[in-house]
Amino acid sequence: MKEITGNRKLPPAVERFILNWGDMGDQWGVNRSVSQIHGLLYLAEKPVTAEDIADTLGMARSNVSNSLKELLAWGLIRRVPILGDRRDHFEAETDIWEVAQRIAAGRKEREIDPAIAALRACVAEATGDPTISAVAAKRLKDMLAFTELIDRWYVQMLKVPRPRLVALIKLGEKIANLLPSGRSRSGSA
């Protein structure tokens, strides 16, 4: 975790959040600068200019500009006009459920959808190919079935109203206990 070296002093908890959010984003395959800027805007009390972001986080203006474009494309931030100021100001979506939904939608589009297309092509190509072992063909079909199942679950969860989704998440294992028992590899149903 790299200390923020900008000219503006941030409260320690805010700096720690921004640095950790940047590290988490980096682990998820998102540029660290993009994640740090999102973290700063998420905690900001009012819209912030690109210049202020660059100054606060000690980043090059071009890096901030590119990162803001990416965050805008994800729908995680928006431009906000400020009366009497011609510069662009930015603020983050602060509804954490909305943030999670937008990130999940972006990841589905960039990762799950292409994976399903590739797996479907592999399964189709393997079907009837005598050089593909039965084990490999079955594993390809199993992986496709699993990925499509996760995709369908995601689409279904989008339709669940937020209060019900929150209740469902809070129920956790209790809901699983309502289902008929089945064998599993871990020993629990």
C-alpha atoms as a PDB file:
ATOM      1  CA  MET A   1       0.000   0.000   0.000  1.00  0.00           C
ATOM      2  CA  LYS A   2       1.554   3.261  -1.146  1.00  0.00           C
ATOM      3  CA  GLU A   3       1.083   6.377   0.952  1.00  0.00           C
ATOM      4  CA  ILE A   4      -0.771   9.219  -0.732  1.00  0.00           C
ATOM      5  CA  THR A   5       1.689  12.028  -1.425  1.00  0.00           C
ATOM      6  CA  GLY A   6      -0.633  14.796  -2.630  1.00  0.00           C
ATOM      7  CA  ASN A   7      -0.632  18.364  -1.380  1.00  0.00           C
ATOM      8  CA  ARG A   8      -3.951  18.080   0.451  1.00  0.00           C
ATOM      9  CA  LYS A   9      -3.999  16.383   3.813  1.00  0.00           C
ATOM     10  CA  LEU A  10      -6.652  13.712   4.212  1.00  0.00           C
ATOM     11  CA  PRO A  11      -7.873  12.382   7.544  1.00  0.00           C
ATOM     12  CA  PRO A  12      -6.049   9.116   8.321  1.00  0.00           C
ATOM     13  CA  ALA A  13      -9.194   6.979   8.018  1.00  0.00           C
ATOM     14  CA  VAL A  14     -10.023   8.494   4.614  1.00  0.00           C
ATOM     15  CA  GLU A  15      -6.465   7.980   3.364  1.00  0.00           C
ATOM     16  CA  ARG A  16      -6.482   4.387   4.635  1.00  0.00           C
ATOM     17  CA  PHE A  17      -9.815   3.708   2.883  1.00  0.00           C
ATOM     18  CA  ILE A  18      -8.606   5.199  -0.415  1.00  0.00           C
ATOM     19  CA  LEU A  19      -5.370   3.203  -0.301  1.00  0.00           C
ATOM     20  CA  ASN A  20      -7.144  -0.038   0.614  1.00  0.00           C
ATOM     21  CA  TRP A  21      -9.865   0.526  -2.004  1.00  0.00           C
ATOM     22  CA  GLY A  22      -7.067   1.005  -4.545  1.00  0.00           C
ATOM     23  CA  ASP A  23      -5.409  -2.240  -3.436  1.00  0.00           C
ATOM     24  CA  MET A  24      -8.696  -4.165  -3.610  1.00  0.00           C
ATOM     25  CA  GLY A  25      -9.425  -2.801  -7.074  1.00  0.00           C
ATOM     26  CA  ASP A  26      -5.934  -3.806  -8.164  1.00  0.00           C
ATOM     27  CA  GLN A  27      -6.602  -7.362  -6.956  1.00  0.00           C
ATOM     28  CA  TRP A  28      -9.880  -7.408  -8.922  1.00  0.00           C
ATOM     29  CA  GLY A  29      -8.122  -6.344 -12.111  1.00  0.00           C
ATOM     30  CA  VAL A  30      -9.044  -2.652 -11.904  1.00  0.00           C
ATOM     31  CA  ASN A  31      -6.286  -0.064 -12.191  1.00  0.00           C
ATOM     32  CA  ARG A  32      -5.212   1.099  -8.720  1.00  0.00           C
ATOM     33  CA  SER A  33      -5.550   4.781  -9.686  1.00  0.00           C
ATOM     34  CA  VAL A  34      -9.099   4.230 -10.918  1.00  0.00           C
ATOM     35  CA  SER A  35     -10.024   2.577  -7.623  1.00  0.00           C
ATOM     36  CA  GLN A  36      -8.333   5.251  -5.515  1.00  0.00           C
ATOM     37  CA  ILE A  37     -10.149   8.019  -7.375  1.00  0.00           C
ATOM     38  CA  HIS A  38     -13.422   6.167  -6.902  1.00  0.00           C
ATOM     39  CA  GLY A  39     -12.659   5.831  -3.181  1.00  0.00           C
ATOM     40  CA  LEU A  40     -11.931   9.554  -2.886  1.00  0.00           C
ATOM     41  CA  LEU A  41     -15.118  10.535  -4.723  1.00  0.00           C
ATOM     42  CA  TYR A  42     -17.186   8.015  -2.760  1.00  0.00           C
ATOM     43  CA  LEU A  43     -16.181   9.674   0.522  1.00  0.00           C
ATOM     44  CA  ALA A  44     -16.228  13.274  -0.784  1.00  0.00           C
ATOM     45  CA  GLU A  45     -18.908  15.513   0.689  1.00  0.00           C
ATOM     46  CA  LYS A  46     -19.258  17.556  -2.501  1.00  0.00           C
ATOM     47  CA  PRO A  47     -18.318  17.241  -6.191  1.00  0.00           C
ATOM     48  CA  VAL A  48     -14.576  17.409  -6.900  1.00  0.00           C
ATOM     49  CA  THR A  49     -12.647  18.677  -9.936  1.00  0.00           C
ATOM     50  CA  ALA A  50     -10.054  16.598 -11.753  1.00  0.00           C
ATOM     51  CA  GLU A  51      -7.423  19.112 -10.668  1.00  0.00           C
ATOM     52  CA  ASP A  52      -8.371  18.678  -7.020  1.00  0.00           C
ATOM     53  CA  ILE A  53      -8.283  14.888  -7.412  1.00  0.00           C
ATOM     54  CA  ALA A  54      -4.805  15.056  -8.960  1.00  0.00           C
ATOM     55  CA  ASP A  55      -3.613  17.403  -6.224  1.00  0.00           C
ATOM     56  CA  THR A  56      -5.142  15.402  -3.377  1.00  0.00           C
ATOM     57  CA  LEU A  57      -3.936  12.003  -4.556  1.00  0.00           C
ATOM     58  CA  GLY A  58      -0.611  13.153  -5.995  1.00  0.00           C
ATOM     59  CA  MET A  59      -1.443  11.776  -9.457  1.00  0.00           C
ATOM     60  CA  ALA A  60      -0.644  13.059 -12.923  1.00  0.00           C
ATOM     61  CA  ARG A  61      -3.531  15.006 -14.465  1.00  0.00           C
ATOM     62  CA  SER A  62      -3.532  12.668 -17.501  1.00  0.00           C
ATOM     63  CA  ASN A  63      -3.850   9.624 -15.224  1.00  0.00           C
ATOM     64  CA  VAL A  64      -6.787  11.262 -13.425  1.00  0.00           C
ATOM     65  CA  SER A  65      -8.439  12.134 -16.739  1.00  0.00           C
ATOM     66  CA  ASN A  66      -8.169   8.569 -18.065  1.00  0.00           C
ATOM     67  CA  SER A  67      -9.335   7.128 -14.748  1.00  0.00           C
ATOM     68  CA  LEU A  68     -12.361   9.427 -14.676  1.00  0.00           C
ATOM     69  CA  LYS A  69     -13.309   8.289 -18.197  1.00  0.00           C
ATOM     70  CA  GLU A  70     -13.203   4.680 -17.036  1.00  0.00           C
ATOM     71  CA  LEU A  71     -15.289   5.410 -13.930  1.00  0.00           C
ATOM     72  CA  LEU A  72     -17.822   7.291 -16.080  1.00  0.00           C
ATOM     73  CA  ALA A  73     -18.014   4.304 -18.449  1.00  0.00           C
ATOM     74  CA  TRP A  74     -18.733   1.993 -15.497  1.00  0.00           C
ATOM     75  CA  GLY A  75     -21.471   4.392 -14.326  1.00  0.00           C
ATOM     76  CA  LEU A  76     -19.805   4.706 -10.918  1.00  0.00           C
ATOM     77  CA  ILE A  77     -19.391   8.487 -11.103  1.00  0.00           C
ATOM     78  CA  ARG A  78     -21.103  11.348 -12.901  1.00  0.00           C
ATOM     79  CA  ARG A  79     -20.270  14.882 -14.010  1.00  0.00           C
ATOM     80  CA  VAL A  80     -21.963  17.553 -11.954  1.00  0.00           C
ATOM     81  CA  PRO A  81     -22.301  21.147 -13.163  1.00  0.00           C
ATOM     82  CA  ILE A  82     -21.447  23.837 -10.610  1.00  0.00           C
ATOM     83  CA  LEU A  83     -22.904  27.306 -11.157  1.00  0.00           C
ATOM     84  CA  GLY A  84     -20.177  29.823 -11.968  1.00  0.00           C
ATOM     85  CA  ASP A  85     -17.455  27.206 -12.532  1.00  0.00           C
ATOM     86  CA  ARG A  86     -16.685  26.029 -16.051  1.00  0.00           C
ATOM     87  CA  ARG A  87     -14.577  23.069 -14.902  1.00  0.00           C
ATOM     88  CA  ASP A  88     -16.001  19.567 -14.735  1.00  0.00           C
ATOM     89  CA  HIS A  89     -16.833  18.366 -11.248  1.00  0.00           C
ATOM     90  CA  PHE A  90     -17.374  14.723 -10.378  1.00  0.00           C
ATOM     91  CA  GLU A  91     -19.255  12.825  -7.719  1.00  0.00           C
ATOM     92  CA  ALA A  92     -19.614   9.127  -7.065  1.00  0.00           C
ATOM     93  CA  GLU A  93     -22.737   7.038  -6.788  1.00  0.00           C
ATOM     94  CA  THR A  94     -23.064   6.645  -3.024  1.00  0.00           C
ATOM     95  CA  ASP A  95     -25.799   4.004  -2.852  1.00  0.00           C
ATOM     96  CA  ILE A  96     -23.572   1.000  -2.133  1.00  0.00           C
ATOM     97  CA  TRP A  97     -26.178  -1.430  -3.494  1.00  0.00           C
ATOM     98  CA  GLU A  98     -26.242   0.498  -6.765  1.00  0.00           C
ATOM     99  CA  VAL A  99     -22.425   0.545  -6.841  1.00  0.00           C
ATOM    100  CA  ALA A 100     -22.312  -3.230  -6.324  1.00  0.00           C
ATOM    101  CA  GLN A 101     -24.947  -3.781  -9.014  1.00  0.00           C
ATOM    102  CA  ARG A 102     -23.097  -1.633 -11.559  1.00  0.00           C
ATOM    103  CA  ILE A 103     -19.783  -3.359 -10.827  1.00  0.00           C
ATOM    104  CA  ALA A 104     -21.441  -6.780 -11.103  1.00  0.00           C
ATOM    105  CA  ALA A 105     -23.091  -5.799 -14.400  1.00  0.00           C
ATOM    106  CA  GLY A 106     -19.780  -4.569 -15.786  1.00  0.00           C
ATOM    107  CA  ARG A 107     -17.950  -7.712 -14.716  1.00  0.00           C
ATOM    108  CA  LYS A 108     -20.698  -9.909 -16.172  1.00  0.00           C
ATOM    109  CA  GLU A 109     -20.449  -8.089 -19.495  1.00  0.00           C
ATOM    110  CA  ARG A 110     -16.641  -8.201 -19.578  1.00  0.00           C
ATOM    111  CA  GLU A 111     -16.056 -11.654 -18.068  1.00  0.00           C
ATOM    112  CA  ILE A 112     -19.086 -13.946 -17.811  1.00  0.00           C
ATOM    113  CA  ASP A 113     -20.709 -13.227 -21.187  1.00  0.00           C
ATOM    114  CA  PRO A 114     -17.477 -13.840 -23.157  1.00  0.00           C
ATOM    115  CA  ALA A 115     -16.775 -16.951 -21.051  1.00  0.00           C
ATOM    116  CA  ILE A 116     -20.198 -18.385 -21.901  1.00  0.00           C
ATOM    117  CA  ALA A 117     -19.696 -17.643 -25.603  1.00  0.00           C
ATOM    118  CA  ALA A 118     -16.255 -19.290 -25.554  1.00  0.00           C
ATOM    119  CA  LEU A 119     -17.511 -22.330 -23.627  1.00  0.00           C
ATOM    120  CA  ARG A 120     -20.467 -22.754 -26.005  1.00  0.00           C
ATOM    121  CA  ALA A 121     -18.070 -22.666 -28.946  1.00  0.00           C
ATOM    122  CA  CYS A 122     -15.791 -25.222 -27.255  1.00  0.00           C
ATOM    123  CA  VAL A 123     -18.696 -27.558 -26.465  1.00  0.00           C
ATOM    124  CA  ALA A 124     -20.014 -27.255 -30.023  1.00  0.00           C
ATOM    125  CA  GLU A 125     -16.565 -27.901 -31.475  1.00  0.00           C
ATOM    126  CA  ALA A 126     -15.987 -30.875 -29.160  1.00  0.00           C
ATOM    127  CA  THR A 127     -19.338 -32.471 -30.033  1.00  0.00           C
ATOM    128  CA  GLY A 128     -18.702 -35.241 -32.505  1.00  0.00           C
ATOM    129  CA  ASP A 129     -14.927 -34.753 -32.488  1.00  0.00           C
ATOM    130  CA  PRO A 130     -13.446 -38.236 -32.048  1.00  0.00           C
ATOM    131  CA  THR A 131     -10.140 -36.787 -30.784  1.00  0.00           C
ATOM    132  CA  ILE A 132     -11.837 -35.251 -27.700  1.00  0.00           C
ATOM    133  CA  SER A 133     -11.969 -37.638 -24.775  1.00  0.00           C
ATOM    134  CA  ALA A 134     -15.304 -38.270 -23.070  1.00  0.00           C
ATOM    135  CA  VAL A 135     -13.837 -36.818 -19.862  1.00  0.00           C
ATOM    136  CA  ALA A 136     -12.793 -33.557 -21.541  1.00  0.00           C
ATOM    137  CA  ALA A 137     -16.152 -33.231 -23.332  1.00  0.00           C
ATOM    138  CA  LYS A 138     -18.052 -33.804 -20.072  1.00  0.00           C
ATOM    139  CA  ARG A 139     -15.923 -31.287 -18.185  1.00  0.00           C
ATOM    140  CA  LEU A 140     -16.496 -28.672 -20.884  1.00  0.00           C
ATOM    141  CA  LYS A 141     -20.261 -29.281 -20.697  1.00  0.00           C
ATOM    142  CA  ASP A 142     -20.166 -29.158 -16.878  1.00  0.00           C
ATOM    143  CA  MET A 143     -18.245 -25.877 -16.906  1.00  0.00           C
ATOM    144  CA  LEU A 144     -20.696 -24.392 -19.416  1.00  0.00           C
ATOM    145  CA  ALA A 145     -23.679 -25.576 -17.354  1.00  0.00           C
ATOM    146  CA  PHE A 146     -22.177 -24.083 -14.187  1.00  0.00           C
ATOM    147  CA  THR A 147     -21.377 -20.747 -15.849  1.00  0.00           C
ATOM    148  CA  GLU A 148     -24.863 -20.537 -17.385  1.00  0.00           C
ATOM    149  CA  LEU A 149     -26.400 -21.377 -13.988  1.00  0.00           C
ATOM    150  CA  ILE A 150     -24.474 -18.544 -12.318  1.00  0.00           C
ATOM    151  CA  ASP A 151     -25.503 -16.216 -15.157  1.00  0.00           C
ATOM    152  CA  ARG A 152     -29.199 -17.134 -14.763  1.00  0.00           C
ATOM    153  CA  TRP A 153     -28.955 -16.656 -10.986  1.00  0.00           C
ATOM    154  CA  TYR A 154     -27.451 -13.201 -11.481  1.00  0.00           C
ATOM    155  CA  VAL A 155     -30.237 -12.197 -13.891  1.00  0.00           C
ATOM    156  CA  GLN A 156     -32.869 -13.514 -11.445  1.00  0.00           C
ATOM    157  CA  MET A 157     -31.342 -11.575  -8.528  1.00  0.00           C
ATOM    158  CA  LEU A 158     -31.586  -8.350 -10.542  1.00  0.00           C
ATOM    159  CA  LYS A 159     -35.381  -8.787 -10.539  1.00  0.00           C
ATOM    160  CA  VAL A 160     -35.642  -9.251  -6.762  1.00  0.00           C
ATOM    161  CA  PRO A 161     -36.662  -5.994  -5.059  1.00  0.00           C
ATOM    162  CA  ARG A 162     -33.870  -4.688  -2.831  1.00  0.00           C
ATOM    163  CA  PRO A 163     -35.677  -5.176   0.515  1.00  0.00           C
ATOM    164  CA  ARG A 164     -36.347  -8.822  -0.367  1.00  0.00           C
ATOM    165  CA  LEU A 165     -32.781  -9.281  -1.579  1.00  0.00           C
ATOM    166  CA  VAL A 166     -31.432  -7.861   1.689  1.00  0.00           C
ATOM    167  CA  ALA A 167     -33.707 -10.217   3.635  1.00  0.00           C
ATOM    168  CA  LEU A 168     -32.591 -13.140   1.481  1.00  0.00           C
ATOM    169  CA  ILE A 169     -28.926 -12.350   2.075  1.00  0.00           C
ATOM    170  CA  LYS A 170     -29.493 -11.985   5.816  1.00  0.00           C
ATOM    171  CA  LEU A 171     -31.217 -15.360   5.906  1.00  0.00           C
ATOM    172  CA  GLY A 172     -28.066 -16.951   4.531  1.00  0.00           C
ATOM    173  CA  GLU A 173     -27.750 -20.594   5.519  1.00  0.00           C
ATOM    174  CA  LYS A 174     -31.235 -20.619   7.048  1.00  0.00           C
ATOM    175  CA  ILE A 175     -32.779 -20.544   3.580  1.00  0.00           C
ATOM    176  CA  ALA A 176     -30.601 -23.468   2.477  1.00  0.00           C
ATOM    177  CA  ASN A 177     -31.860 -25.481   5.438  1.00  0.00           C
ATOM    178  CA  LEU A 178     -35.414 -25.176   4.073  1.00  0.00           C
ATOM    179  CA  LEU A 179     -34.427 -27.048   0.921  1.00  0.00           C
ATOM    180  CA  PRO A 180     -34.466 -30.850   0.700  1.00  0.00           C
ATOM    181  CA  SER A 181     -31.167 -32.428   1.739  1.00  0.00           C
ATOM    182  CA  GLY A 182     -28.828 -33.595  -0.926  1.00  0.00           C
ATOM    183  CA  ARG A 183     -25.360 -35.011  -1.044  1.00  0.00           C
ATOM    184  CA  SER A 184     -22.512 -32.582  -1.378  1.00  0.00           C
ATOM    185  CA  ARG A 185     -18.762 -32.958  -1.474  1.00  0.00           C
ATOM    186  CA  SER A 186     -18.253 -30.859   1.644  1.00  0.00           C
ATOM    187  CA  GLY A 187     -20.588 -32.980   3.699  1.00  0.00           C
ATOM    188  CA  SER A 188     -23.245 -30.302   4.196  1.00  0.00           C
ATOM    189  CA  ALA A 189     -26.424 -29.919   2.175  1.00  0.00           C
END
